[in-house]
Amino acid sequence: MSLLRQNKHRIRRLLPQARALNVAVAISLLAGSALYLPAQLPKLAAPPAKAEPAAPVDPLGRQTPRSSLIGFLKYESIGDYVTASRYLQLPPDLHLPELSKEFRKLYPNFQGSINMVSDDPNGTVETGLPPGQERAGVVTVDDETLDIILVRVDDPEAGKIWLVSQGTLAAIPHLYAKLEREQPTETSRIRLALQSGPVVLGMSTTQWFCWLLSIPASWLLAWLSTFLVSAPRRAWYGLRKLPFRTVWDTPLGMPIRCMIAILLHGLIVYWLQPPLLYRIYYVRLLAAMLVACFGWLLSRLSDQGFDRALHQTRVHTKGGESILILMQRLNRVGILIIALVAALALLGLNVTTTLAGLGIGGLAVALAAQKTLENLIGGISLLLDRAIQTGDFCKIGDRVGKVEDIGLRSLKLRTIDQNLLVVPNGVLAQMQFENLKARPKLLINQNFSLRIETQLEQLRFVLDSVQTMLNDEPAIEAGTSRVRVTSFAGAAFELELFAYGMTSDWSELTAIRQDVILKIAGIVEAAGTRFAAPTRLTYQSTDLCVDPDRASDIVRQVTELRANNAFRLPGEMQTVSK
């Protein structure tokens, strides 16, 4: 029994240890098995997702309300009724050729602008219409109106497209019958008479003739209207014999007259009632021409502003004209680009795509035209630094002349011999040049010679008289002018004149210098001497050239000095006796 009790106590002591061992073994087995779990295996690449099929593209261009309506009018005008029917929600009991004829008769009663119809594939949300419907205009006959509605449908082949609604097409025969029963007005009779006769390209010959006649007629009406507007004021100033100038006589008159003529021509063409498709494109053309004339007007207005600024700059500032001229040219280029983009948008082109293409093309052009851009930036930097202006007298390299123009690419210099020197702005910005006009005074440096026979008192008289003349001359700067004897080498006394002319104009300096030279010639003549010419002097005489008594005295003195080691020549080392 005691042995059994000892075993039980031993088992109780070993039981916690066995449990701990079991837990450790379980953890190790779990960790070992986790290494082979599928989640820990290298992941296989997922199969590529199937690309979504691209949205179908309608070959007839019916993605937007405007393109769908214009497409229907295009095919209907050439008689392709099979293609035109694909733009309509045709009721089963309607015959398209007959429907097209009735709809064409209703064109004069159409009110609206197809160019203003949405060109967005989703259309626009209008009051009273559910999403997916677009109102293109209204046809009015007597007191009854019909909305031209386009609906967006889902075509199995073309995707989401816009069609003329079935309800609109169903109401056309009723309106046509009412139009036939209606008594025509005088205006309708005239229009019917114009539309009668042979038809050429969808319009009668009478309509074509009236259209051609309307071009000069609209211009004459524009001129007459502008004359009548200014007639009262013209008469008022004429009675008082005062000078009078209307806006029509200024550079602004021509673009304003053109805009008035375009508007009058558009009214005449609208009254002629050309086919609806022609009307769409012709309105776009007239709108683009209006934008061009408006840009022309803005350019003229800005030119007047720049001209006034240039005048003020020349009068008060005395500088900065060239930067204003450059800004004026850049302004013209900017107005031209904006007007061109606006005109292209009005003509129906995709301006966003065009601008993106221009951006890419502009980058390519910029890379290819680095020198041109360098010249442009160089010209702007020159003008901003005001280092050179139009009209300045400059020396560029070895050429001297007057600056005629500073353009976007180059500078034009009219040289003294009247040749035109063209210097690229990029090269000019990196080279040294002299702006002679920027100097407040110009140097007069003149050398002249007097004959060697001129006596000392004559020479002093010439020097004193020339200096007095320079001091008294108002065109010469006082205090800095001088005349000096520089040498008497050869057979003449060499004199140098140094003075500043109080001017910055080169032509004026030449006149001042000429006056100074003439006065010096008069002084020399009054002194009784002459100017020396480049000659060689030869003595042919029997008299001695030196005084023999003075010469013997000098020889004796020098001999005695050298004997006493008291005389040495410049640069000769003095000897010391030991």
Protein backbone atom coordinates (compact mmCIF):
# COMPACT_ATOMS: atom_id res chain seq x y z
CA MET A 1 0.00 0.00 0.00
CA SER A 2 2.79 2.35 0.76
CA LEU A 3 4.31 1.62 -2.65
CA LEU A 4 1.03 2.39 -4.33
CA ARG A 5 0.77 5.65 -2.52
CA GLN A 6 4.29 6.62 -3.53
CA ASN A 7 3.46 5.89 -7.19
CA LYS A 8 0.33 8.06 -7.00
CA HIS A 9 2.29 10.94 -5.57
CA ARG A 10 4.93 10.50 -8.27
CA ILE A 11 2.28 10.44 -11.01
CA ARG A 12 0.68 13.58 -9.63
CA ARG A 13 4.02 15.38 -9.70
CA LEU A 14 4.74 14.26 -13.28
CA LEU A 15 1.27 15.10 -14.65
CA PRO A 16 1.82 18.91 -15.02
CA GLN A 17 5.13 18.26 -16.73
CA ALA A 18 3.46 15.88 -19.18
CA ARG A 19 0.78 18.40 -19.94
CA ALA A 20 3.37 21.11 -20.65
CA LEU A 21 5.21 18.66 -22.89
CA ASN A 22 2.02 17.90 -24.83
CA VAL A 23 1.31 21.58 -25.34
CA ALA A 24 4.86 22.22 -26.63
CA VAL A 25 4.62 19.26 -29.03
CA ALA A 26 1.25 20.50 -30.31
CA ILE A 27 2.60 23.98 -30.95
CA SER A 28 5.62 22.59 -32.81
CA LEU A 29 3.42 20.35 -34.94
CA LEU A 30 1.14 23.28 -35.76
CA ALA A 31 4.07 25.47 -36.75
CA GLY A 32 5.57 22.70 -38.88
CA SER A 33 2.33 22.00 -40.67
CA ALA A 34 1.81 25.73 -41.35
CA LEU A 35 4.82 25.70 -43.62
CA TYR A 36 2.93 23.52 -46.07
CA LEU A 37 -0.41 25.25 -45.96
CA PRO A 38 -1.70 26.37 -49.41
CA ALA A 39 -1.83 29.96 -48.20
CA GLN A 40 1.91 29.91 -47.70
CA LEU A 41 2.67 28.56 -51.15
CA PRO A 42 3.78 31.01 -53.84
CA LYS A 43 0.73 32.72 -55.27
CA LEU A 44 -0.02 31.99 -58.87
CA ALA A 45 -0.59 34.97 -61.16
CA ALA A 46 -4.26 35.73 -61.49
CA PRO A 47 -5.60 35.35 -65.00
CA PRO A 48 -5.84 38.71 -66.76
CA ALA A 49 -9.23 40.31 -66.58
CA LYS A 50 -11.10 40.32 -69.81
CA ALA A 51 -10.97 43.71 -71.47
CA GLU A 52 -14.32 45.35 -71.66
CA PRO A 53 -15.52 45.68 -75.20
CA ALA A 54 -15.08 49.18 -76.60
CA ALA A 55 -18.18 51.27 -76.97
CA PRO A 56 -19.53 50.96 -80.50
CA VAL A 57 -18.92 53.90 -82.78
CA ASP A 58 -21.84 54.97 -84.92
CA PRO A 59 -20.66 55.33 -88.55
CA LEU A 60 -23.48 57.82 -89.20
CA GLY A 61 -22.38 60.16 -86.40
CA ARG A 62 -25.59 60.10 -84.36
CA GLN A 63 -23.88 60.34 -80.96
CA THR A 64 -25.08 63.92 -80.31
CA PRO A 65 -28.40 65.70 -81.01
CA ARG A 66 -26.80 68.26 -83.31
CA SER A 67 -24.83 65.78 -85.42
CA SER A 68 -27.88 63.54 -85.78
CA LEU A 69 -30.11 66.39 -86.99
CA ILE A 70 -27.47 67.71 -89.40
CA GLY A 71 -26.89 64.20 -90.75
CA PHE A 72 -30.60 63.76 -91.47
CA LEU A 73 -30.77 67.10 -93.31
CA LYS A 74 -27.65 66.23 -95.34
CA TYR A 75 -28.95 62.89 -96.62
CA GLU A 76 -32.47 64.21 -97.08
CA SER A 77 -31.24 67.09 -99.24
CA ILE A 78 -29.46 64.72 -101.67
CA GLY A 79 -32.43 62.34 -101.84
CA ASP A 80 -30.80 59.43 -99.99
CA TYR A 81 -33.97 58.51 -98.10
CA VAL A 82 -32.70 55.07 -97.07
CA THR A 83 -29.82 56.59 -95.07
CA ALA A 84 -31.95 59.52 -93.91
CA SER A 85 -34.52 57.10 -92.41
CA ARG A 86 -31.84 55.80 -90.04
CA TYR A 87 -31.92 59.18 -88.28
CA LEU A 88 -35.66 58.90 -87.55
CA GLN A 89 -37.96 56.94 -85.31
CA LEU A 90 -40.24 56.19 -88.25
CA PRO A 91 -43.80 55.18 -87.52
CA PRO A 92 -44.73 52.06 -89.48
CA ASP A 93 -47.43 53.78 -91.57
CA LEU A 94 -45.36 56.80 -92.82
CA HIS A 95 -43.70 57.01 -96.23
CA LEU A 96 -40.37 58.78 -95.97
CA PRO A 97 -40.23 60.54 -99.39
CA GLU A 98 -43.67 62.02 -98.81
CA LEU A 99 -42.75 62.92 -95.22
CA SER A 100 -39.55 64.57 -96.44
CA LYS A 101 -41.48 66.67 -98.96
CA GLU A 102 -43.94 67.80 -96.28
CA PHE A 103 -41.17 68.57 -93.81
CA ARG A 104 -39.32 70.64 -96.46
CA LYS A 105 -42.45 72.72 -96.98
CA LEU A 106 -42.45 73.47 -93.27
CA TYR A 107 -38.83 74.77 -93.30
CA PRO A 108 -39.87 78.46 -93.55
CA ASN A 109 -41.98 78.00 -90.41
CA PHE A 110 -39.09 76.54 -88.42
CA GLN A 111 -37.97 78.73 -85.54
CA GLY A 112 -34.73 77.96 -83.81
CA SER A 113 -31.00 77.57 -84.40
CA ILE A 114 -29.64 74.13 -85.09
CA ASN A 115 -26.16 75.45 -84.30
CA MET A 116 -27.35 76.03 -80.73
CA VAL A 117 -28.54 72.44 -80.30
CA SER A 118 -26.43 70.50 -77.81
CA ASP A 119 -23.36 68.74 -79.15
CA ASP A 120 -22.97 66.70 -75.95
CA PRO A 121 -23.64 62.94 -76.24
CA ASN A 122 -25.73 63.17 -73.05
CA GLY A 123 -27.71 66.17 -74.29
CA THR A 124 -28.93 68.93 -72.01
CA VAL A 125 -31.61 68.90 -69.37
CA GLU A 126 -34.49 71.20 -70.34
CA THR A 127 -37.49 72.27 -68.33
CA GLY A 128 -40.52 70.17 -69.21
CA LEU A 129 -38.52 67.42 -70.92
CA PRO A 130 -37.34 64.17 -69.37
CA PRO A 131 -33.66 63.19 -69.55
CA GLY A 132 -32.73 61.75 -72.90
CA GLN A 133 -34.79 64.23 -74.93
CA GLU A 134 -33.63 67.42 -76.69
CA ARG A 135 -35.69 70.24 -78.23
CA ALA A 136 -34.15 71.38 -81.52
CA GLY A 137 -36.71 74.05 -82.41
CA VAL A 138 -40.36 74.80 -83.04
CA VAL A 139 -42.48 74.67 -86.21
CA THR A 140 -45.37 77.12 -86.09
CA VAL A 141 -48.37 77.05 -88.43
CA ASP A 142 -51.04 79.62 -87.67
CA ASP A 143 -51.61 79.21 -83.93
CA GLU A 144 -50.39 75.65 -83.64
CA THR A 145 -46.84 74.74 -82.72
CA LEU A 146 -44.84 71.53 -82.92
CA ASP A 147 -41.66 70.90 -80.93
CA ILE A 148 -38.94 69.14 -82.89
CA ILE A 149 -37.84 66.57 -80.32
CA LEU A 150 -34.85 64.24 -80.51
CA VAL A 151 -34.70 61.19 -78.24
CA ARG A 152 -31.78 59.07 -77.16
CA VAL A 153 -32.22 55.35 -77.84
CA ASP A 154 -30.06 52.28 -77.41
CA ASP A 155 -29.21 50.74 -80.76
CA PRO A 156 -27.84 47.16 -80.62
CA GLU A 157 -25.25 47.93 -83.30
CA ALA A 158 -24.43 51.63 -82.86
CA GLY A 159 -24.93 51.99 -79.11
CA LYS A 160 -26.64 55.05 -77.70
CA ILE A 161 -27.73 57.36 -80.51
CA TRP A 162 -30.08 60.30 -81.04
CA LEU A 163 -33.09 60.12 -83.41
CA VAL A 164 -35.91 62.45 -84.35
CA SER A 165 -38.79 61.29 -82.16
CA GLN A 166 -41.73 59.32 -83.49
CA GLY A 167 -44.20 61.82 -82.02
CA THR A 168 -42.61 64.68 -83.99
CA LEU A 169 -42.77 62.74 -87.25
CA ALA A 170 -46.37 61.71 -86.65
CA ALA A 171 -47.48 65.34 -86.26
CA ILE A 172 -45.82 66.61 -89.48
CA PRO A 173 -48.63 65.50 -91.91
CA HIS A 174 -51.21 67.30 -89.79
CA LEU A 175 -49.23 70.55 -89.78
CA TYR A 176 -48.57 70.24 -93.50
CA ALA A 177 -52.28 69.86 -94.22
CA LYS A 178 -53.01 72.91 -92.10
CA LEU A 179 -50.33 74.86 -93.97
CA GLU A 180 -51.91 73.94 -97.30
CA ARG A 181 -55.30 75.14 -96.11
CA GLU A 182 -53.87 78.40 -94.78
CA GLN A 183 -54.22 81.49 -96.97
CA PRO A 184 -50.68 82.56 -98.00
CA THR A 185 -49.54 86.04 -97.03
CA GLU A 186 -47.86 88.51 -99.34
CA THR A 187 -44.45 87.60 -97.93
CA SER A 188 -45.15 83.92 -98.51
CA ARG A 189 -46.10 84.62 -102.12
CA ILE A 190 -42.86 86.48 -102.72
CA ARG A 191 -40.87 83.64 -101.19
CA LEU A 192 -42.71 81.08 -103.28
CA ALA A 193 -41.98 83.16 -106.38
CA LEU A 194 -38.28 83.25 -105.48
CA GLN A 195 -38.22 79.49 -104.98
CA SER A 196 -39.80 78.81 -108.37
CA GLY A 197 -37.74 78.05 -111.45
CA PRO A 198 -34.84 75.72 -112.17
CA VAL A 199 -33.13 74.30 -109.07
CA VAL A 200 -29.33 74.25 -108.81
CA LEU A 201 -27.70 72.64 -105.75
CA GLY A 202 -30.92 72.75 -103.75
CA MET A 203 -31.77 76.39 -104.50
CA SER A 204 -33.60 78.04 -107.37
CA THR A 205 -31.68 80.22 -109.79
CA THR A 206 -33.66 83.22 -108.52
CA GLN A 207 -32.50 82.56 -104.97
CA TRP A 208 -28.90 82.25 -106.16
CA PHE A 209 -29.17 85.55 -108.01
CA CYS A 210 -30.70 87.31 -105.01
CA TRP A 211 -28.00 85.86 -102.78
CA LEU A 212 -25.22 87.20 -105.02
CA LEU A 213 -26.97 90.56 -105.27
CA SER A 214 -27.30 90.76 -101.48
CA ILE A 215 -23.51 90.93 -101.00
CA PRO A 216 -22.95 94.39 -102.59
CA ALA A 217 -26.42 95.50 -101.43
CA SER A 218 -25.56 94.79 -97.79
CA TRP A 219 -22.32 96.78 -98.14
CA LEU A 220 -24.14 99.74 -99.67
CA LEU A 221 -26.77 99.60 -96.92
CA ALA A 222 -24.02 99.53 -94.28
CA TRP A 223 -22.34 102.59 -95.80
CA LEU A 224 -25.67 104.40 -96.09
CA SER A 225 -26.63 103.64 -92.48
CA THR A 226 -23.31 104.90 -91.15
CA PHE A 227 -23.63 108.05 -93.26
CA LEU A 228 -27.16 108.75 -92.01
CA VAL A 229 -26.12 108.21 -88.39
CA SER A 230 -23.36 110.82 -88.64
CA ALA A 231 -25.28 113.24 -90.94
CA PRO A 232 -26.87 115.39 -88.17
CA ARG A 233 -23.59 115.88 -86.35
CA ARG A 234 -21.77 116.52 -89.62
CA ALA A 235 -24.31 119.20 -90.55
CA TRP A 236 -24.07 120.77 -87.08
CA TYR A 237 -20.29 121.15 -87.33
CA GLY A 238 -20.52 122.23 -90.99
CA LEU A 239 -22.81 125.15 -90.17
CA ARG A 240 -20.31 126.37 -87.60
CA LYS A 241 -17.36 125.71 -89.92
CA LEU A 242 -15.66 123.55 -87.35
CA PRO A 243 -13.39 120.60 -88.18
CA PHE A 244 -15.26 117.35 -87.82
CA ARG A 245 -14.16 113.74 -88.13
CA THR A 246 -16.54 110.87 -87.55
CA VAL A 247 -15.58 107.43 -86.34
CA TRP A 248 -16.16 106.20 -89.89
CA ASP A 249 -13.22 108.31 -91.06
CA THR A 250 -10.86 106.72 -88.54
CA PRO A 251 -9.15 103.31 -88.75
CA LEU A 252 -12.08 101.92 -86.70
CA GLY A 253 -14.60 102.75 -89.42
CA MET A 254 -13.79 99.90 -91.81
CA PRO A 255 -14.15 96.96 -89.36
CA ILE A 256 -17.38 98.46 -87.96
CA ARG A 257 -18.82 98.84 -91.47
CA CYS A 258 -17.86 95.25 -92.26
CA MET A 259 -19.64 93.98 -89.14
CA ILE A 260 -22.80 95.96 -90.03
CA ALA A 261 -22.67 94.64 -93.62
CA ILE A 262 -22.34 91.03 -92.40
CA LEU A 263 -25.35 91.42 -90.10
CA LEU A 264 -27.47 92.97 -92.87
CA HIS A 265 -26.41 90.24 -95.29
CA GLY A 266 -27.41 87.59 -92.73
CA LEU A 267 -30.89 89.14 -92.41
CA ILE A 268 -31.31 89.16 -96.20
CA VAL A 269 -30.22 85.52 -96.50
CA TYR A 270 -32.59 84.54 -93.68
CA TRP A 271 -35.47 86.24 -95.53
CA LEU A 272 -34.56 84.36 -98.73
CA GLN A 273 -35.18 81.09 -96.85
CA PRO A 274 -32.44 78.85 -98.28
CA PRO A 275 -32.51 75.14 -97.42
CA LEU A 276 -32.14 74.48 -93.72
CA LEU A 277 -28.81 72.69 -94.18
CA TYR A 278 -27.41 75.62 -96.15
CA ARG A 279 -28.63 77.96 -93.45
CA ILE A 280 -26.71 76.03 -90.78
CA TYR A 281 -23.34 76.24 -92.51
CA TYR A 282 -23.87 79.78 -93.79
CA VAL A 283 -24.68 81.05 -90.31
CA ARG A 284 -21.44 79.47 -89.10
CA LEU A 285 -19.52 81.19 -91.87
CA LEU A 286 -21.06 84.58 -91.09
CA ALA A 287 -20.36 84.10 -87.38
CA ALA A 288 -16.71 83.30 -88.13
CA MET A 289 -16.49 86.43 -90.31
CA LEU A 290 -18.01 88.51 -87.49
CA VAL A 291 -15.39 87.17 -85.10
CA ALA A 292 -12.64 88.06 -87.60
CA CYS A 293 -13.98 91.61 -87.96
CA PHE A 294 -14.29 91.95 -84.19
CA GLY A 295 -10.65 90.86 -83.81
CA TRP A 296 -9.75 93.42 -86.48
CA LEU A 297 -11.58 96.09 -84.51
CA LEU A 298 -9.82 95.10 -81.27
CA SER A 299 -6.47 95.24 -83.06
CA ARG A 300 -7.20 98.75 -84.34
CA LEU A 301 -8.31 99.90 -80.88
CA SER A 302 -5.19 98.49 -79.25
CA ASP A 303 -3.03 100.11 -81.95
CA GLN A 304 -4.53 103.49 -81.10
CA GLY A 305 -3.75 102.91 -77.44
CA PHE A 306 -0.18 101.90 -78.20
CA ASP A 307 0.27 104.91 -80.50
CA ARG A 308 -0.81 107.25 -77.71
CA ALA A 309 1.52 105.50 -75.27
CA LEU A 310 4.38 105.83 -77.77
CA HIS A 311 3.68 109.54 -78.15
CA GLN A 312 3.65 110.05 -74.38
CA THR A 313 6.86 108.06 -74.06
CA ARG A 314 8.65 110.12 -76.71
CA VAL A 315 7.50 113.40 -75.16
CA HIS A 316 7.99 112.70 -71.46
CA THR A 317 10.00 109.52 -70.82
CA LYS A 318 12.57 109.67 -73.65
CA GLY A 319 12.97 105.92 -73.94
CA GLY A 320 11.04 102.69 -73.96
CA GLU A 321 9.56 103.01 -77.45
CA SER A 322 10.99 99.71 -78.63
CA ILE A 323 9.40 97.65 -75.84
CA LEU A 324 6.04 99.24 -76.62
CA ILE A 325 6.44 98.39 -80.30
CA LEU A 326 7.31 94.80 -79.38
CA MET A 327 4.28 94.58 -77.06
CA GLN A 328 2.09 95.95 -79.86
CA ARG A 329 3.28 93.21 -82.21
CA LEU A 330 2.76 90.49 -79.60
CA ASN A 331 -0.71 91.89 -78.94
CA ARG A 332 -1.56 91.58 -82.63
CA VAL A 333 -0.35 87.99 -82.68
CA GLY A 334 -2.41 87.18 -79.56
CA ILE A 335 -5.57 88.71 -81.00
CA LEU A 336 -5.03 86.80 -84.25
CA ILE A 337 -4.64 83.48 -82.44
CA ILE A 338 -7.73 84.03 -80.25
CA ALA A 339 -9.83 85.11 -83.25
CA LEU A 340 -8.63 82.12 -85.26
CA VAL A 341 -9.50 79.64 -82.49
CA ALA A 342 -12.93 81.25 -81.98
CA ALA A 343 -13.63 81.17 -85.73
CA LEU A 344 -12.66 77.50 -85.94
CA ALA A 345 -14.98 76.73 -83.02
CA LEU A 346 -17.86 78.54 -84.73
CA LEU A 347 -17.18 76.64 -87.94
CA GLY A 348 -17.82 73.42 -86.06
CA LEU A 349 -14.28 72.15 -85.57
CA ASN A 350 -13.24 70.46 -82.35
CA VAL A 351 -11.19 73.21 -80.75
CA THR A 352 -10.07 71.04 -77.82
CA THR A 353 -8.45 68.52 -80.13
CA THR A 354 -7.03 71.35 -82.24
CA LEU A 355 -5.48 73.05 -79.19
CA ALA A 356 -4.04 69.74 -77.98
CA GLY A 357 -2.53 69.19 -81.42
CA LEU A 358 -1.21 72.73 -81.43
CA GLY A 359 0.36 72.13 -78.02
CA ILE A 360 2.19 69.02 -79.20
CA GLY A 361 3.05 70.69 -82.47
CA GLY A 362 4.21 73.79 -80.62
CA LEU A 363 6.56 71.69 -78.50
CA ALA A 364 8.00 70.10 -81.63
CA VAL A 365 8.36 73.50 -83.28
CA ALA A 366 9.99 74.91 -80.14
CA LEU A 367 12.57 72.12 -80.20
CA ALA A 368 13.19 72.63 -83.90
CA ALA A 369 13.27 76.44 -83.69
CA GLN A 370 15.59 76.93 -80.75
CA LYS A 371 17.51 79.66 -82.53
CA THR A 372 14.31 81.56 -83.31
CA LEU A 373 13.22 81.38 -79.67
CA GLU A 374 16.72 82.42 -78.63
CA ASN A 375 16.43 85.47 -80.87
CA LEU A 376 12.98 86.28 -79.47
CA ILE A 377 14.14 86.05 -75.85
CA GLY A 378 17.30 87.98 -76.71
CA GLY A 379 15.26 90.82 -78.23
CA ILE A 380 12.99 90.99 -75.20
CA SER A 381 15.96 91.05 -72.82
CA LEU A 382 17.61 93.85 -74.81
CA LEU A 383 14.45 95.93 -74.72
CA LEU A 384 13.80 95.29 -71.04
CA ASP A 385 17.38 96.32 -70.20
CA ARG A 386 16.91 99.42 -72.40
CA ALA A 387 20.41 98.86 -73.71
CA ILE A 388 19.35 99.90 -77.18
CA GLN A 389 16.33 101.68 -78.67
CA THR A 390 15.00 102.42 -82.11
CA GLY A 391 16.75 105.51 -83.47
CA ASP A 392 19.97 105.01 -81.46
CA PHE A 393 23.31 105.51 -83.18
CA CYS A 394 25.34 102.38 -82.44
CA LYS A 395 28.52 100.55 -83.28
CA ILE A 396 27.99 96.82 -83.70
CA GLY A 397 31.20 94.99 -84.45
CA ASP A 398 33.02 97.23 -86.91
CA ARG A 399 29.84 98.74 -88.39
CA VAL A 400 28.38 102.07 -87.31
CA GLY A 401 24.85 103.20 -88.06
CA LYS A 402 21.36 104.05 -86.85
CA VAL A 403 18.94 101.44 -85.47
CA GLU A 404 15.85 101.38 -87.68
CA ASP A 405 13.87 98.55 -86.09
CA ILE A 406 14.04 95.97 -83.30
CA GLY A 407 11.84 93.05 -84.29
CA LEU A 408 10.93 89.74 -82.72
CA ARG A 409 13.85 88.00 -84.46
CA SER A 410 16.47 90.56 -85.43
CA LEU A 411 17.71 94.13 -85.24
CA LYS A 412 18.03 96.26 -88.39
CA LEU A 413 20.90 98.77 -88.51
CA ARG A 414 21.18 101.35 -91.29
CA THR A 415 24.92 101.89 -91.66
CA ILE A 416 26.63 105.13 -92.65
CA ASP A 417 26.99 103.93 -96.25
CA GLN A 418 23.19 103.25 -96.23
CA ASN A 419 23.48 99.46 -96.20
CA LEU A 420 20.96 97.53 -94.08
CA LEU A 421 22.69 95.33 -91.52
CA VAL A 422 20.46 92.62 -89.96
CA VAL A 423 21.74 91.19 -86.65
CA PRO A 424 19.90 88.31 -84.90
CA ASN A 425 18.79 89.30 -81.41
CA GLY A 426 20.31 86.17 -79.87
CA VAL A 427 23.73 87.02 -81.31
CA LEU A 428 23.41 90.69 -80.32
CA ALA A 429 22.53 89.79 -76.72
CA GLN A 430 25.80 87.83 -76.40
CA MET A 431 28.17 90.29 -78.06
CA GLN A 432 29.64 93.65 -77.09
CA PHE A 433 28.29 96.70 -78.86
CA GLU A 434 28.52 100.44 -78.31
CA ASN A 435 25.48 102.68 -78.03
CA LEU A 436 26.86 106.02 -79.14
CA LYS A 437 23.60 107.87 -78.51
CA ALA A 438 23.69 106.98 -74.83
CA ARG A 439 26.76 109.18 -74.34
CA PRO A 440 25.99 112.66 -72.95
CA LYS A 441 29.02 114.09 -74.77
CA LEU A 442 31.25 113.02 -77.65
CA LEU A 443 35.04 113.24 -77.88
CA ILE A 444 36.91 115.48 -80.33
CA ASN A 445 40.50 114.25 -80.55
CA GLN A 446 42.38 116.03 -83.32
CA ASN A 447 46.11 116.06 -84.13
CA PHE A 448 47.77 118.72 -86.32
CA SER A 449 51.35 119.77 -87.08
CA LEU A 450 53.12 123.12 -87.48
CA ARG A 451 56.23 123.62 -89.56
CA ILE A 452 59.55 123.29 -87.78
CA GLU A 453 60.44 126.84 -88.81
CA THR A 454 57.69 128.11 -86.45
CA GLN A 455 59.29 130.39 -83.89
CA LEU A 456 58.79 129.88 -80.19
CA GLU A 457 56.59 132.94 -79.73
CA GLN A 458 54.44 131.90 -82.68
CA LEU A 459 53.98 128.47 -81.16
CA ARG A 460 52.99 129.96 -77.81
CA PHE A 461 50.52 132.29 -79.57
CA VAL A 462 48.88 129.35 -81.35
CA LEU A 463 48.58 127.32 -78.12
CA ASP A 464 47.11 130.23 -76.16
CA SER A 465 44.65 131.24 -78.88
CA VAL A 466 43.39 127.67 -79.45
CA GLN A 467 42.89 127.12 -75.69
CA THR A 468 41.00 130.43 -75.40
CA MET A 469 38.84 129.48 -78.34
CA LEU A 470 37.97 126.12 -76.76
CA ASN A 471 37.12 127.78 -73.43
CA ASP A 472 34.82 130.32 -75.12
CA GLU A 473 33.09 127.83 -77.41
CA PRO A 474 29.60 127.03 -75.95
CA ALA A 475 29.44 123.67 -77.76
CA ILE A 476 32.67 122.53 -76.03
CA GLU A 477 32.69 121.28 -72.45
CA ALA A 478 34.51 123.76 -70.25
CA GLY A 479 37.31 122.62 -67.96
CA THR A 480 38.22 119.42 -69.80
CA SER A 481 39.48 120.77 -73.14
CA ARG A 482 43.22 121.17 -73.75
CA VAL A 483 45.76 121.58 -76.54
CA ARG A 484 49.36 120.43 -76.04
CA VAL A 485 52.59 120.01 -77.99
CA THR A 486 53.27 116.30 -78.01
CA SER A 487 56.52 116.13 -80.03
CA PHE A 488 58.63 117.87 -82.63
CA ALA A 489 60.02 114.79 -84.33
CA GLY A 490 60.80 115.12 -87.98
CA ALA A 491 60.24 118.51 -89.60
CA ALA A 492 57.21 119.67 -87.56
CA PHE A 493 55.82 120.43 -84.15
CA GLU A 494 53.10 117.84 -83.30
CA LEU A 495 50.06 119.26 -81.42
CA GLU A 496 47.11 117.33 -79.94
CA LEU A 497 43.63 118.76 -79.26
CA PHE A 498 41.41 117.02 -76.70
CA ALA A 499 37.86 118.26 -76.08
CA TYR A 500 34.27 117.05 -75.54
CA GLY A 501 31.42 118.23 -77.71
CA MET A 502 28.25 118.79 -75.66
CA THR A 503 26.00 116.60 -77.79
CA SER A 504 25.02 112.96 -78.18
CA ASP A 505 24.17 113.24 -81.87
CA TRP A 506 26.93 112.13 -84.22
CA SER A 507 25.93 114.40 -87.11
CA GLU A 508 25.85 117.39 -84.76
CA LEU A 509 29.30 116.45 -83.47
CA THR A 510 30.73 116.54 -86.99
CA ALA A 511 29.46 120.13 -87.36
CA ILE A 512 31.06 121.14 -84.02
CA ARG A 513 34.34 119.49 -84.98
CA GLN A 514 34.34 121.24 -88.36
CA ASP A 515 33.83 124.62 -86.69
CA VAL A 516 36.73 123.97 -84.30
CA ILE A 517 39.07 122.94 -87.13
CA LEU A 518 38.23 126.04 -89.16
CA LYS A 519 38.90 128.30 -86.19
CA ILE A 520 42.25 126.59 -85.58
CA ALA A 521 43.16 127.17 -89.22
CA GLY A 522 42.37 130.86 -88.78
CA ILE A 523 44.52 131.06 -85.63
CA VAL A 524 47.49 129.42 -87.38
CA GLU A 525 47.15 131.79 -90.30
CA ALA A 526 46.95 134.79 -87.96
CA ALA A 527 50.15 133.63 -86.22
CA GLY A 528 52.05 133.83 -89.49
CA THR A 529 53.01 130.19 -89.62
CA ARG A 530 51.80 127.20 -91.63
CA PHE A 531 50.66 123.66 -91.13
CA ALA A 532 53.35 121.08 -91.75
CA ALA A 533 52.98 118.63 -94.56
CA PRO A 534 54.58 115.18 -94.50
CA THR A 535 57.89 116.29 -96.13
CA ARG A 536 61.59 115.60 -95.84
CA LEU A 537 63.76 118.66 -94.98
CA THR A 538 67.16 119.05 -96.69
CA TYR A 539 69.51 121.94 -95.83
CA GLN A 540 71.46 123.45 -98.72
CA SER A 541 73.33 126.43 -97.27
CA THR A 542 76.90 127.62 -96.61
CA ASP A 543 76.27 128.84 -93.06
CA LEU A 544 77.19 126.68 -90.12
CA CYS A 545 74.42 124.83 -88.42
CA VAL A 546 75.79 125.50 -84.89
CA ASP A 547 77.48 128.35 -83.04
CA PRO A 548 81.22 127.43 -82.85
CA ASP A 549 81.91 129.48 -79.70
CA ARG A 550 79.08 127.92 -77.74
CA ALA A 551 80.01 124.49 -79.05
CA SER A 552 83.66 124.83 -77.89
CA ASP A 553 82.55 126.02 -74.43
CA ILE A 554 80.20 123.05 -74.02
CA VAL A 555 82.93 120.60 -75.12
CA ARG A 556 85.34 122.06 -72.59
CA GLN A 557 82.81 121.94 -69.75
CA VAL A 558 81.83 118.34 -70.44
CA THR A 559 85.50 117.28 -70.68
CA GLU A 560 86.28 118.81 -67.30
CA LEU A 561 83.24 117.24 -65.67
CA ARG A 562 84.06 113.80 -67.00
CA ALA A 563 87.68 114.17 -65.84
CA ASN A 564 86.44 114.91 -62.32
CA ASN A 565 83.93 112.02 -62.59
CA ALA A 566 81.09 114.54 -62.08
CA PHE A 567 79.26 113.99 -65.34
CA ARG A 568 77.49 110.83 -66.57
CA LEU A 569 74.95 110.04 -69.20
CA PRO A 570 71.54 108.60 -68.29
CA GLY A 571 72.02 104.90 -67.57
CA GLU A 572 75.86 105.18 -67.33
CA MET A 573 77.45 103.74 -64.16
CA GLN A 574 79.61 106.23 -62.29
CA THR A 575 83.20 104.96 -61.82
CA VAL A 576 84.79 105.27 -58.38
CA SER A 577 88.60 105.91 -58.26
CA LYS A 578 90.52 103.69 -55.95
